[in-house]
Amino acid sequence: LVRLGRRATVQELGALDLLASNPL
């Protein structure tokens, strides 16, 4: 989220949640 360097969109927060829920 910090690397975005701007306000996140709701969709970007959803993507971060998905990635956090499914570790590689």
PDBML (XML) file of the C-alpha atoms, coordinates in Angstrom:
<?xml version="1.0" encoding="UTF-8" ?>
<PDBx:datablock datablockName="MODEL"
   xmlns:PDBx="http://pdbml.pdb.org/schema/pdbx-v50.xsd"
   xmlns:xsi="http://www.w3.org/2001/XMLSchema-instance"
   xsi:schemaLocation="http://pdbml.pdb.org/schema/pdbx-v50.xsd pdbx-v50.xsd">
   <PDBx:atom_siteCategory>
      <PDBx:atom_site id="1">
         <PDBx:B_iso_or_equiv>0.00</PDBx:B_iso_or_equiv>
         <PDBx:Cartn_x>0.000</PDBx:Cartn_x>
         <PDBx:Cartn_y>0.000</PDBx:Cartn_y>
         <PDBx:Cartn_z>0.000</PDBx:Cartn_z>
         <PDBx:auth_asym_id>A</PDBx:auth_asym_id>
         <PDBx:auth_atom_id>CA</PDBx:auth_atom_id>
         <PDBx:auth_comp_id>LEU</PDBx:auth_comp_id>
         <PDBx:auth_seq_id>1</PDBx:auth_seq_id>
         <PDBx:group_PDB>ATOM</PDBx:group_PDB>
         <PDBx:label_alt_id xsi:nil="true" />
         <PDBx:label_asym_id>A</PDBx:label_asym_id>
         <PDBx:label_atom_id>CA</PDBx:label_atom_id>
         <PDBx:label_comp_id>LEU</PDBx:label_comp_id>
         <PDBx:label_entity_id>1</PDBx:label_entity_id>
         <PDBx:label_seq_id>1</PDBx:label_seq_id>
         <PDBx:occupancy>1.00</PDBx:occupancy>
         <PDBx:pdbx_PDB_model_num>1</PDBx:pdbx_PDB_model_num>
         <PDBx:type_symbol>C</PDBx:type_symbol>
      </PDBx:atom_site>
      <PDBx:atom_site id="2">
         <PDBx:B_iso_or_equiv>0.00</PDBx:B_iso_or_equiv>
         <PDBx:Cartn_x>2.884</PDBx:Cartn_x>
         <PDBx:Cartn_y>2.355</PDBx:Cartn_y>
         <PDBx:Cartn_z>0.771</PDBx:Cartn_z>
         <PDBx:auth_asym_id>A</PDBx:auth_asym_id>
         <PDBx:auth_atom_id>CA</PDBx:auth_atom_id>
         <PDBx:auth_comp_id>VAL</PDBx:auth_comp_id>
         <PDBx:auth_seq_id>2</PDBx:auth_seq_id>
         <PDBx:group_PDB>ATOM</PDBx:group_PDB>
         <PDBx:label_alt_id xsi:nil="true" />
         <PDBx:label_asym_id>A</PDBx:label_asym_id>
         <PDBx:label_atom_id>CA</PDBx:label_atom_id>
         <PDBx:label_comp_id>VAL</PDBx:label_comp_id>
         <PDBx:label_entity_id>1</PDBx:label_entity_id>
         <PDBx:label_seq_id>2</PDBx:label_seq_id>
         <PDBx:occupancy>1.00</PDBx:occupancy>
         <PDBx:pdbx_PDB_model_num>1</PDBx:pdbx_PDB_model_num>
         <PDBx:type_symbol>C</PDBx:type_symbol>
      </PDBx:atom_site>
      <PDBx:atom_site id="3">
         <PDBx:B_iso_or_equiv>0.00</PDBx:B_iso_or_equiv>
         <PDBx:Cartn_x>4.442</PDBx:Cartn_x>
         <PDBx:Cartn_y>1.620</PDBx:Cartn_y>
         <PDBx:Cartn_z>-2.633</PDBx:Cartn_z>
         <PDBx:auth_asym_id>A</PDBx:auth_asym_id>
         <PDBx:auth_atom_id>CA</PDBx:auth_atom_id>
         <PDBx:auth_comp_id>ARG</PDBx:auth_comp_id>
         <PDBx:auth_seq_id>3</PDBx:auth_seq_id>
         <PDBx:group_PDB>ATOM</PDBx:group_PDB>
         <PDBx:label_alt_id xsi:nil="true" />
         <PDBx:label_asym_id>A</PDBx:label_asym_id>
         <PDBx:label_atom_id>CA</PDBx:label_atom_id>
         <PDBx:label_comp_id>ARG</PDBx:label_comp_id>
         <PDBx:label_entity_id>1</PDBx:label_entity_id>
         <PDBx:label_seq_id>3</PDBx:label_seq_id>
         <PDBx:occupancy>1.00</PDBx:occupancy>
         <PDBx:pdbx_PDB_model_num>1</PDBx:pdbx_PDB_model_num>
         <PDBx:type_symbol>C</PDBx:type_symbol>
      </PDBx:atom_site>
      <PDBx:atom_site id="4">
         <PDBx:B_iso_or_equiv>0.00</PDBx:B_iso_or_equiv>
         <PDBx:Cartn_x>1.314</PDBx:Cartn_x>
         <PDBx:Cartn_y>2.900</PDBx:Cartn_y>
         <PDBx:Cartn_z>-4.374</PDBx:Cartn_z>
         <PDBx:auth_asym_id>A</PDBx:auth_asym_id>
         <PDBx:auth_atom_id>CA</PDBx:auth_atom_id>
         <PDBx:auth_comp_id>LEU</PDBx:auth_comp_id>
         <PDBx:auth_seq_id>4</PDBx:auth_seq_id>
         <PDBx:group_PDB>ATOM</PDBx:group_PDB>
         <PDBx:label_alt_id xsi:nil="true" />
         <PDBx:label_asym_id>A</PDBx:label_asym_id>
         <PDBx:label_atom_id>CA</PDBx:label_atom_id>
         <PDBx:label_comp_id>LEU</PDBx:label_comp_id>
         <PDBx:label_entity_id>1</PDBx:label_entity_id>
         <PDBx:label_seq_id>4</PDBx:label_seq_id>
         <PDBx:occupancy>1.00</PDBx:occupancy>
         <PDBx:pdbx_PDB_model_num>1</PDBx:pdbx_PDB_model_num>
         <PDBx:type_symbol>C</PDBx:type_symbol>
      </PDBx:atom_site>
      <PDBx:atom_site id="5">
         <PDBx:B_iso_or_equiv>0.00</PDBx:B_iso_or_equiv>
         <PDBx:Cartn_x>2.321</PDBx:Cartn_x>
         <PDBx:Cartn_y>6.369</PDBx:Cartn_y>
         <PDBx:Cartn_z>-3.231</PDBx:Cartn_z>
         <PDBx:auth_asym_id>A</PDBx:auth_asym_id>
         <PDBx:auth_atom_id>CA</PDBx:auth_atom_id>
         <PDBx:auth_comp_id>GLY</PDBx:auth_comp_id>
         <PDBx:auth_seq_id>5</PDBx:auth_seq_id>
         <PDBx:group_PDB>ATOM</PDBx:group_PDB>
         <PDBx:label_alt_id xsi:nil="true" />
         <PDBx:label_asym_id>A</PDBx:label_asym_id>
         <PDBx:label_atom_id>CA</PDBx:label_atom_id>
         <PDBx:label_comp_id>GLY</PDBx:label_comp_id>
         <PDBx:label_entity_id>1</PDBx:label_entity_id>
         <PDBx:label_seq_id>5</PDBx:label_seq_id>
         <PDBx:occupancy>1.00</PDBx:occupancy>
         <PDBx:pdbx_PDB_model_num>1</PDBx:pdbx_PDB_model_num>
         <PDBx:type_symbol>C</PDBx:type_symbol>
      </PDBx:atom_site>
      <PDBx:atom_site id="6">
         <PDBx:B_iso_or_equiv>0.00</PDBx:B_iso_or_equiv>
         <PDBx:Cartn_x>-1.273</PDBx:Cartn_x>
         <PDBx:Cartn_y>7.637</PDBx:Cartn_y>
         <PDBx:Cartn_z>-3.460</PDBx:Cartn_z>
         <PDBx:auth_asym_id>A</PDBx:auth_asym_id>
         <PDBx:auth_atom_id>CA</PDBx:auth_atom_id>
         <PDBx:auth_comp_id>ARG</PDBx:auth_comp_id>
         <PDBx:auth_seq_id>6</PDBx:auth_seq_id>
         <PDBx:group_PDB>ATOM</PDBx:group_PDB>
         <PDBx:label_alt_id xsi:nil="true" />
         <PDBx:label_asym_id>A</PDBx:label_asym_id>
         <PDBx:label_atom_id>CA</PDBx:label_atom_id>
         <PDBx:label_comp_id>ARG</PDBx:label_comp_id>
         <PDBx:label_entity_id>1</PDBx:label_entity_id>
         <PDBx:label_seq_id>6</PDBx:label_seq_id>
         <PDBx:occupancy>1.00</PDBx:occupancy>
         <PDBx:pdbx_PDB_model_num>1</PDBx:pdbx_PDB_model_num>
         <PDBx:type_symbol>C</PDBx:type_symbol>
      </PDBx:atom_site>
      <PDBx:atom_site id="7">
         <PDBx:B_iso_or_equiv>0.00</PDBx:B_iso_or_equiv>
         <PDBx:Cartn_x>-4.760</PDBx:Cartn_x>
         <PDBx:Cartn_y>6.849</PDBx:Cartn_y>
         <PDBx:Cartn_z>-2.227</PDBx:Cartn_z>
         <PDBx:auth_asym_id>A</PDBx:auth_asym_id>
         <PDBx:auth_atom_id>CA</PDBx:auth_atom_id>
         <PDBx:auth_comp_id>ARG</PDBx:auth_comp_id>
         <PDBx:auth_seq_id>7</PDBx:auth_seq_id>
         <PDBx:group_PDB>ATOM</PDBx:group_PDB>
         <PDBx:label_alt_id xsi:nil="true" />
         <PDBx:label_asym_id>A</PDBx:label_asym_id>
         <PDBx:label_atom_id>CA</PDBx:label_atom_id>
         <PDBx:label_comp_id>ARG</PDBx:label_comp_id>
         <PDBx:label_entity_id>1</PDBx:label_entity_id>
         <PDBx:label_seq_id>7</PDBx:label_seq_id>
         <PDBx:occupancy>1.00</PDBx:occupancy>
         <PDBx:pdbx_PDB_model_num>1</PDBx:pdbx_PDB_model_num>
         <PDBx:type_symbol>C</PDBx:type_symbol>
      </PDBx:atom_site>
      <PDBx:atom_site id="8">
         <PDBx:B_iso_or_equiv>0.00</PDBx:B_iso_or_equiv>
         <PDBx:Cartn_x>-5.708</PDBx:Cartn_x>
         <PDBx:Cartn_y>3.274</PDBx:Cartn_y>
         <PDBx:Cartn_z>-3.021</PDBx:Cartn_z>
         <PDBx:auth_asym_id>A</PDBx:auth_asym_id>
         <PDBx:auth_atom_id>CA</PDBx:auth_atom_id>
         <PDBx:auth_comp_id>ALA</PDBx:auth_comp_id>
         <PDBx:auth_seq_id>8</PDBx:auth_seq_id>
         <PDBx:group_PDB>ATOM</PDBx:group_PDB>
         <PDBx:label_alt_id xsi:nil="true" />
         <PDBx:label_asym_id>A</PDBx:label_asym_id>
         <PDBx:label_atom_id>CA</PDBx:label_atom_id>
         <PDBx:label_comp_id>ALA</PDBx:label_comp_id>
         <PDBx:label_entity_id>1</PDBx:label_entity_id>
         <PDBx:label_seq_id>8</PDBx:label_seq_id>
         <PDBx:occupancy>1.00</PDBx:occupancy>
         <PDBx:pdbx_PDB_model_num>1</PDBx:pdbx_PDB_model_num>
         <PDBx:type_symbol>C</PDBx:type_symbol>
      </PDBx:atom_site>
      <PDBx:atom_site id="9">
         <PDBx:B_iso_or_equiv>0.00</PDBx:B_iso_or_equiv>
         <PDBx:Cartn_x>-8.927</PDBx:Cartn_x>
         <PDBx:Cartn_y>2.502</PDBx:Cartn_y>
         <PDBx:Cartn_z>-4.846</PDBx:Cartn_z>
         <PDBx:auth_asym_id>A</PDBx:auth_asym_id>
         <PDBx:auth_atom_id>CA</PDBx:auth_atom_id>
         <PDBx:auth_comp_id>THR</PDBx:auth_comp_id>
         <PDBx:auth_seq_id>9</PDBx:auth_seq_id>
         <PDBx:group_PDB>ATOM</PDBx:group_PDB>
         <PDBx:label_alt_id xsi:nil="true" />
         <PDBx:label_asym_id>A</PDBx:label_asym_id>
         <PDBx:label_atom_id>CA</PDBx:label_atom_id>
         <PDBx:label_comp_id>THR</PDBx:label_comp_id>
         <PDBx:label_entity_id>1</PDBx:label_entity_id>
         <PDBx:label_seq_id>9</PDBx:label_seq_id>
         <PDBx:occupancy>1.00</PDBx:occupancy>
         <PDBx:pdbx_PDB_model_num>1</PDBx:pdbx_PDB_model_num>
         <PDBx:type_symbol>C</PDBx:type_symbol>
      </PDBx:atom_site>
      <PDBx:atom_site id="10">
         <PDBx:B_iso_or_equiv>0.00</PDBx:B_iso_or_equiv>
         <PDBx:Cartn_x>-11.437</PDBx:Cartn_x>
         <PDBx:Cartn_y>0.072</PDBx:Cartn_y>
         <PDBx:Cartn_z>-3.408</PDBx:Cartn_z>
         <PDBx:auth_asym_id>A</PDBx:auth_asym_id>
         <PDBx:auth_atom_id>CA</PDBx:auth_atom_id>
         <PDBx:auth_comp_id>VAL</PDBx:auth_comp_id>
         <PDBx:auth_seq_id>10</PDBx:auth_seq_id>
         <PDBx:group_PDB>ATOM</PDBx:group_PDB>
         <PDBx:label_alt_id xsi:nil="true" />
         <PDBx:label_asym_id>A</PDBx:label_asym_id>
         <PDBx:label_atom_id>CA</PDBx:label_atom_id>
         <PDBx:label_comp_id>VAL</PDBx:label_comp_id>
         <PDBx:label_entity_id>1</PDBx:label_entity_id>
         <PDBx:label_seq_id>10</PDBx:label_seq_id>
         <PDBx:occupancy>1.00</PDBx:occupancy>
         <PDBx:pdbx_PDB_model_num>1</PDBx:pdbx_PDB_model_num>
         <PDBx:type_symbol>C</PDBx:type_symbol>
      </PDBx:atom_site>
      <PDBx:atom_site id="11">
         <PDBx:B_iso_or_equiv>0.00</PDBx:B_iso_or_equiv>
         <PDBx:Cartn_x>-10.436</PDBx:Cartn_x>
         <PDBx:Cartn_y>-2.390</PDBx:Cartn_y>
         <PDBx:Cartn_z>-6.146</PDBx:Cartn_z>
         <PDBx:auth_asym_id>A</PDBx:auth_asym_id>
         <PDBx:auth_atom_id>CA</PDBx:auth_atom_id>
         <PDBx:auth_comp_id>GLN</PDBx:auth_comp_id>
         <PDBx:auth_seq_id>11</PDBx:auth_seq_id>
         <PDBx:group_PDB>ATOM</PDBx:group_PDB>
         <PDBx:label_alt_id xsi:nil="true" />
         <PDBx:label_asym_id>A</PDBx:label_asym_id>
         <PDBx:label_atom_id>CA</PDBx:label_atom_id>
         <PDBx:label_comp_id>GLN</PDBx:label_comp_id>
         <PDBx:label_entity_id>1</PDBx:label_entity_id>
         <PDBx:label_seq_id>11</PDBx:label_seq_id>
         <PDBx:occupancy>1.00</PDBx:occupancy>
         <PDBx:pdbx_PDB_model_num>1</PDBx:pdbx_PDB_model_num>
         <PDBx:type_symbol>C</PDBx:type_symbol>
      </PDBx:atom_site>
      <PDBx:atom_site id="12">
         <PDBx:B_iso_or_equiv>0.00</PDBx:B_iso_or_equiv>
         <PDBx:Cartn_x>-6.756</PDBx:Cartn_x>
         <PDBx:Cartn_y>-2.115</PDBx:Cartn_y>
         <PDBx:Cartn_z>-5.180</PDBx:Cartn_z>
         <PDBx:auth_asym_id>A</PDBx:auth_asym_id>
         <PDBx:auth_atom_id>CA</PDBx:auth_atom_id>
         <PDBx:auth_comp_id>GLU</PDBx:auth_comp_id>
         <PDBx:auth_seq_id>12</PDBx:auth_seq_id>
         <PDBx:group_PDB>ATOM</PDBx:group_PDB>
         <PDBx:label_alt_id xsi:nil="true" />
         <PDBx:label_asym_id>A</PDBx:label_asym_id>
         <PDBx:label_atom_id>CA</PDBx:label_atom_id>
         <PDBx:label_comp_id>GLU</PDBx:label_comp_id>
         <PDBx:label_entity_id>1</PDBx:label_entity_id>
         <PDBx:label_seq_id>12</PDBx:label_seq_id>
         <PDBx:occupancy>1.00</PDBx:occupancy>
         <PDBx:pdbx_PDB_model_num>1</PDBx:pdbx_PDB_model_num>
         <PDBx:type_symbol>C</PDBx:type_symbol>
      </PDBx:atom_site>
      <PDBx:atom_site id="13">
         <PDBx:B_iso_or_equiv>0.00</PDBx:B_iso_or_equiv>
         <PDBx:Cartn_x>-7.595</PDBx:Cartn_x>
         <PDBx:Cartn_y>-2.803</PDBx:Cartn_y>
         <PDBx:Cartn_z>-1.549</PDBx:Cartn_z>
         <PDBx:auth_asym_id>A</PDBx:auth_asym_id>
         <PDBx:auth_atom_id>CA</PDBx:auth_atom_id>
         <PDBx:auth_comp_id>LEU</PDBx:auth_comp_id>
         <PDBx:auth_seq_id>13</PDBx:auth_seq_id>
         <PDBx:group_PDB>ATOM</PDBx:group_PDB>
         <PDBx:label_alt_id xsi:nil="true" />
         <PDBx:label_asym_id>A</PDBx:label_asym_id>
         <PDBx:label_atom_id>CA</PDBx:label_atom_id>
         <PDBx:label_comp_id>LEU</PDBx:label_comp_id>
         <PDBx:label_entity_id>1</PDBx:label_entity_id>
         <PDBx:label_seq_id>13</PDBx:label_seq_id>
         <PDBx:occupancy>1.00</PDBx:occupancy>
         <PDBx:pdbx_PDB_model_num>1</PDBx:pdbx_PDB_model_num>
         <PDBx:type_symbol>C</PDBx:type_symbol>
      </PDBx:atom_site>
      <PDBx:atom_site id="14">
         <PDBx:B_iso_or_equiv>0.00</PDBx:B_iso_or_equiv>
         <PDBx:Cartn_x>-9.530</PDBx:Cartn_x>
         <PDBx:Cartn_y>-5.851</PDBx:Cartn_y>
         <PDBx:Cartn_z>-2.756</PDBx:Cartn_z>
         <PDBx:auth_asym_id>A</PDBx:auth_asym_id>
         <PDBx:auth_atom_id>CA</PDBx:auth_atom_id>
         <PDBx:auth_comp_id>GLY</PDBx:auth_comp_id>
         <PDBx:auth_seq_id>14</PDBx:auth_seq_id>
         <PDBx:group_PDB>ATOM</PDBx:group_PDB>
         <PDBx:label_alt_id xsi:nil="true" />
         <PDBx:label_asym_id>A</PDBx:label_asym_id>
         <PDBx:label_atom_id>CA</PDBx:label_atom_id>
         <PDBx:label_comp_id>GLY</PDBx:label_comp_id>
         <PDBx:label_entity_id>1</PDBx:label_entity_id>
         <PDBx:label_seq_id>14</PDBx:label_seq_id>
         <PDBx:occupancy>1.00</PDBx:occupancy>
         <PDBx:pdbx_PDB_model_num>1</PDBx:pdbx_PDB_model_num>
         <PDBx:type_symbol>C</PDBx:type_symbol>
      </PDBx:atom_site>
      <PDBx:atom_site id="15">
         <PDBx:B_iso_or_equiv>0.00</PDBx:B_iso_or_equiv>
         <PDBx:Cartn_x>-6.485</PDBx:Cartn_x>
         <PDBx:Cartn_y>-7.035</PDBx:Cartn_y>
         <PDBx:Cartn_z>-4.697</PDBx:Cartn_z>
         <PDBx:auth_asym_id>A</PDBx:auth_asym_id>
         <PDBx:auth_atom_id>CA</PDBx:auth_atom_id>
         <PDBx:auth_comp_id>ALA</PDBx:auth_comp_id>
         <PDBx:auth_seq_id>15</PDBx:auth_seq_id>
         <PDBx:group_PDB>ATOM</PDBx:group_PDB>
         <PDBx:label_alt_id xsi:nil="true" />
         <PDBx:label_asym_id>A</PDBx:label_asym_id>
         <PDBx:label_atom_id>CA</PDBx:label_atom_id>
         <PDBx:label_comp_id>ALA</PDBx:label_comp_id>
         <PDBx:label_entity_id>1</PDBx:label_entity_id>
         <PDBx:label_seq_id>15</PDBx:label_seq_id>
         <PDBx:occupancy>1.00</PDBx:occupancy>
         <PDBx:pdbx_PDB_model_num>1</PDBx:pdbx_PDB_model_num>
         <PDBx:type_symbol>C</PDBx:type_symbol>
      </PDBx:atom_site>
      <PDBx:atom_site id="16">
         <PDBx:B_iso_or_equiv>0.00</PDBx:B_iso_or_equiv>
         <PDBx:Cartn_x>-4.241</PDBx:Cartn_x>
         <PDBx:Cartn_y>-6.604</PDBx:Cartn_y>
         <PDBx:Cartn_z>-1.643</PDBx:Cartn_z>
         <PDBx:auth_asym_id>A</PDBx:auth_asym_id>
         <PDBx:auth_atom_id>CA</PDBx:auth_atom_id>
         <PDBx:auth_comp_id>LEU</PDBx:auth_comp_id>
         <PDBx:auth_seq_id>16</PDBx:auth_seq_id>
         <PDBx:group_PDB>ATOM</PDBx:group_PDB>
         <PDBx:label_alt_id xsi:nil="true" />
         <PDBx:label_asym_id>A</PDBx:label_asym_id>
         <PDBx:label_atom_id>CA</PDBx:label_atom_id>
         <PDBx:label_comp_id>LEU</PDBx:label_comp_id>
         <PDBx:label_entity_id>1</PDBx:label_entity_id>
         <PDBx:label_seq_id>16</PDBx:label_seq_id>
         <PDBx:occupancy>1.00</PDBx:occupancy>
         <PDBx:pdbx_PDB_model_num>1</PDBx:pdbx_PDB_model_num>
         <PDBx:type_symbol>C</PDBx:type_symbol>
      </PDBx:atom_site>
      <PDBx:atom_site id="17">
         <PDBx:B_iso_or_equiv>0.00</PDBx:B_iso_or_equiv>
         <PDBx:Cartn_x>-6.742</PDBx:Cartn_x>
         <PDBx:Cartn_y>-8.581</PDBx:Cartn_y>
         <PDBx:Cartn_z>0.432</PDBx:Cartn_z>
         <PDBx:auth_asym_id>A</PDBx:auth_asym_id>
         <PDBx:auth_atom_id>CA</PDBx:auth_atom_id>
         <PDBx:auth_comp_id>ASP</PDBx:auth_comp_id>
         <PDBx:auth_seq_id>17</PDBx:auth_seq_id>
         <PDBx:group_PDB>ATOM</PDBx:group_PDB>
         <PDBx:label_alt_id xsi:nil="true" />
         <PDBx:label_asym_id>A</PDBx:label_asym_id>
         <PDBx:label_atom_id>CA</PDBx:label_atom_id>
         <PDBx:label_comp_id>ASP</PDBx:label_comp_id>
         <PDBx:label_entity_id>1</PDBx:label_entity_id>
         <PDBx:label_seq_id>17</PDBx:label_seq_id>
         <PDBx:occupancy>1.00</PDBx:occupancy>
         <PDBx:pdbx_PDB_model_num>1</PDBx:pdbx_PDB_model_num>
         <PDBx:type_symbol>C</PDBx:type_symbol>
      </PDBx:atom_site>
      <PDBx:atom_site id="18">
         <PDBx:B_iso_or_equiv>0.00</PDBx:B_iso_or_equiv>
         <PDBx:Cartn_x>-6.818</PDBx:Cartn_x>
         <PDBx:Cartn_y>-11.360</PDBx:Cartn_y>
         <PDBx:Cartn_z>-2.176</PDBx:Cartn_z>
         <PDBx:auth_asym_id>A</PDBx:auth_asym_id>
         <PDBx:auth_atom_id>CA</PDBx:auth_atom_id>
         <PDBx:auth_comp_id>LEU</PDBx:auth_comp_id>
         <PDBx:auth_seq_id>18</PDBx:auth_seq_id>
         <PDBx:group_PDB>ATOM</PDBx:group_PDB>
         <PDBx:label_alt_id xsi:nil="true" />
         <PDBx:label_asym_id>A</PDBx:label_asym_id>
         <PDBx:label_atom_id>CA</PDBx:label_atom_id>
         <PDBx:label_comp_id>LEU</PDBx:label_comp_id>
         <PDBx:label_entity_id>1</PDBx:label_entity_id>
         <PDBx:label_seq_id>18</PDBx:label_seq_id>
         <PDBx:occupancy>1.00</PDBx:occupancy>
         <PDBx:pdbx_PDB_model_num>1</PDBx:pdbx_PDB_model_num>
         <PDBx:type_symbol>C</PDBx:type_symbol>
      </PDBx:atom_site>
      <PDBx:atom_site id="19">
         <PDBx:B_iso_or_equiv>0.00</PDBx:B_iso_or_equiv>
         <PDBx:Cartn_x>-3.022</PDBx:Cartn_x>
         <PDBx:Cartn_y>-11.534</PDBx:Cartn_y>
         <PDBx:Cartn_z>-2.286</PDBx:Cartn_z>
         <PDBx:auth_asym_id>A</PDBx:auth_asym_id>
         <PDBx:auth_atom_id>CA</PDBx:auth_atom_id>
         <PDBx:auth_comp_id>LEU</PDBx:auth_comp_id>
         <PDBx:auth_seq_id>19</PDBx:auth_seq_id>
         <PDBx:group_PDB>ATOM</PDBx:group_PDB>
         <PDBx:label_alt_id xsi:nil="true" />
         <PDBx:label_asym_id>A</PDBx:label_asym_id>
         <PDBx:label_atom_id>CA</PDBx:label_atom_id>
         <PDBx:label_comp_id>LEU</PDBx:label_comp_id>
         <PDBx:label_entity_id>1</PDBx:label_entity_id>
         <PDBx:label_seq_id>19</PDBx:label_seq_id>
         <PDBx:occupancy>1.00</PDBx:occupancy>
         <PDBx:pdbx_PDB_model_num>1</PDBx:pdbx_PDB_model_num>
         <PDBx:type_symbol>C</PDBx:type_symbol>
      </PDBx:atom_site>
      <PDBx:atom_site id="20">
         <PDBx:B_iso_or_equiv>0.00</PDBx:B_iso_or_equiv>
         <PDBx:Cartn_x>-2.773</PDBx:Cartn_x>
         <PDBx:Cartn_y>-11.593</PDBx:Cartn_y>
         <PDBx:Cartn_z>1.508</PDBx:Cartn_z>
         <PDBx:auth_asym_id>A</PDBx:auth_asym_id>
         <PDBx:auth_atom_id>CA</PDBx:auth_atom_id>
         <PDBx:auth_comp_id>ALA</PDBx:auth_comp_id>
         <PDBx:auth_seq_id>20</PDBx:auth_seq_id>
         <PDBx:group_PDB>ATOM</PDBx:group_PDB>
         <PDBx:label_alt_id xsi:nil="true" />
         <PDBx:label_asym_id>A</PDBx:label_asym_id>
         <PDBx:label_atom_id>CA</PDBx:label_atom_id>
         <PDBx:label_comp_id>ALA</PDBx:label_comp_id>
         <PDBx:label_entity_id>1</PDBx:label_entity_id>
         <PDBx:label_seq_id>20</PDBx:label_seq_id>
         <PDBx:occupancy>1.00</PDBx:occupancy>
         <PDBx:pdbx_PDB_model_num>1</PDBx:pdbx_PDB_model_num>
         <PDBx:type_symbol>C</PDBx:type_symbol>
      </PDBx:atom_site>
      <PDBx:atom_site id="21">
         <PDBx:B_iso_or_equiv>0.00</PDBx:B_iso_or_equiv>
         <PDBx:Cartn_x>-5.360</PDBx:Cartn_x>
         <PDBx:Cartn_y>-14.385</PDBx:Cartn_y>
         <PDBx:Cartn_z>1.643</PDBx:Cartn_z>
         <PDBx:auth_asym_id>A</PDBx:auth_asym_id>
         <PDBx:auth_atom_id>CA</PDBx:auth_atom_id>
         <PDBx:auth_comp_id>SER</PDBx:auth_comp_id>
         <PDBx:auth_seq_id>21</PDBx:auth_seq_id>
         <PDBx:group_PDB>ATOM</PDBx:group_PDB>
         <PDBx:label_alt_id xsi:nil="true" />
         <PDBx:label_asym_id>A</PDBx:label_asym_id>
         <PDBx:label_atom_id>CA</PDBx:label_atom_id>
         <PDBx:label_comp_id>SER</PDBx:label_comp_id>
         <PDBx:label_entity_id>1</PDBx:label_entity_id>
         <PDBx:label_seq_id>21</PDBx:label_seq_id>
         <PDBx:occupancy>1.00</PDBx:occupancy>
         <PDBx:pdbx_PDB_model_num>1</PDBx:pdbx_PDB_model_num>
         <PDBx:type_symbol>C</PDBx:type_symbol>
      </PDBx:atom_site>
      <PDBx:atom_site id="22">
         <PDBx:B_iso_or_equiv>0.00</PDBx:B_iso_or_equiv>
         <PDBx:Cartn_x>-3.492</PDBx:Cartn_x>
         <PDBx:Cartn_y>-16.545</PDBx:Cartn_y>
         <PDBx:Cartn_z>-0.891</PDBx:Cartn_z>
         <PDBx:auth_asym_id>A</PDBx:auth_asym_id>
         <PDBx:auth_atom_id>CA</PDBx:auth_atom_id>
         <PDBx:auth_comp_id>ASN</PDBx:auth_comp_id>
         <PDBx:auth_seq_id>22</PDBx:auth_seq_id>
         <PDBx:group_PDB>ATOM</PDBx:group_PDB>
         <PDBx:label_alt_id xsi:nil="true" />
         <PDBx:label_asym_id>A</PDBx:label_asym_id>
         <PDBx:label_atom_id>CA</PDBx:label_atom_id>
         <PDBx:label_comp_id>ASN</PDBx:label_comp_id>
         <PDBx:label_entity_id>1</PDBx:label_entity_id>
         <PDBx:label_seq_id>22</PDBx:label_seq_id>
         <PDBx:occupancy>1.00</PDBx:occupancy>
         <PDBx:pdbx_PDB_model_num>1</PDBx:pdbx_PDB_model_num>
         <PDBx:type_symbol>C</PDBx:type_symbol>
      </PDBx:atom_site>
      <PDBx:atom_site id="23">
         <PDBx:B_iso_or_equiv>0.00</PDBx:B_iso_or_equiv>
         <PDBx:Cartn_x>0.244</PDBx:Cartn_x>
         <PDBx:Cartn_y>-16.566</PDBx:Cartn_y>
         <PDBx:Cartn_z>-0.126</PDBx:Cartn_z>
         <PDBx:auth_asym_id>A</PDBx:auth_asym_id>
         <PDBx:auth_atom_id>CA</PDBx:auth_atom_id>
         <PDBx:auth_comp_id>PRO</PDBx:auth_comp_id>
         <PDBx:auth_seq_id>23</PDBx:auth_seq_id>
         <PDBx:group_PDB>ATOM</PDBx:group_PDB>
         <PDBx:label_alt_id xsi:nil="true" />
         <PDBx:label_asym_id>A</PDBx:label_asym_id>
         <PDBx:label_atom_id>CA</PDBx:label_atom_id>
         <PDBx:label_comp_id>PRO</PDBx:label_comp_id>
         <PDBx:label_entity_id>1</PDBx:label_entity_id>
         <PDBx:label_seq_id>23</PDBx:label_seq_id>
         <PDBx:occupancy>1.00</PDBx:occupancy>
         <PDBx:pdbx_PDB_model_num>1</PDBx:pdbx_PDB_model_num>
         <PDBx:type_symbol>C</PDBx:type_symbol>
      </PDBx:atom_site>
      <PDBx:atom_site id="24">
         <PDBx:B_iso_or_equiv>0.00</PDBx:B_iso_or_equiv>
         <PDBx:Cartn_x>2.520</PDBx:Cartn_x>
         <PDBx:Cartn_y>-17.928</PDBx:Cartn_y>
         <PDBx:Cartn_z>-2.851</PDBx:Cartn_z>
         <PDBx:auth_asym_id>A</PDBx:auth_asym_id>
         <PDBx:auth_atom_id>CA</PDBx:auth_atom_id>
         <PDBx:auth_comp_id>LEU</PDBx:auth_comp_id>
         <PDBx:auth_seq_id>24</PDBx:auth_seq_id>
         <PDBx:group_PDB>ATOM</PDBx:group_PDB>
         <PDBx:label_alt_id xsi:nil="true" />
         <PDBx:label_asym_id>A</PDBx:label_asym_id>
         <PDBx:label_atom_id>CA</PDBx:label_atom_id>
         <PDBx:label_comp_id>LEU</PDBx:label_comp_id>
         <PDBx:label_entity_id>1</PDBx:label_entity_id>
         <PDBx:label_seq_id>24</PDBx:label_seq_id>
         <PDBx:occupancy>1.00</PDBx:occupancy>
         <PDBx:pdbx_PDB_model_num>1</PDBx:pdbx_PDB_model_num>
         <PDBx:type_symbol>C</PDBx:type_symbol>
      </PDBx:atom_site>
   </PDBx:atom_siteCategory>
</PDBx:datablock>
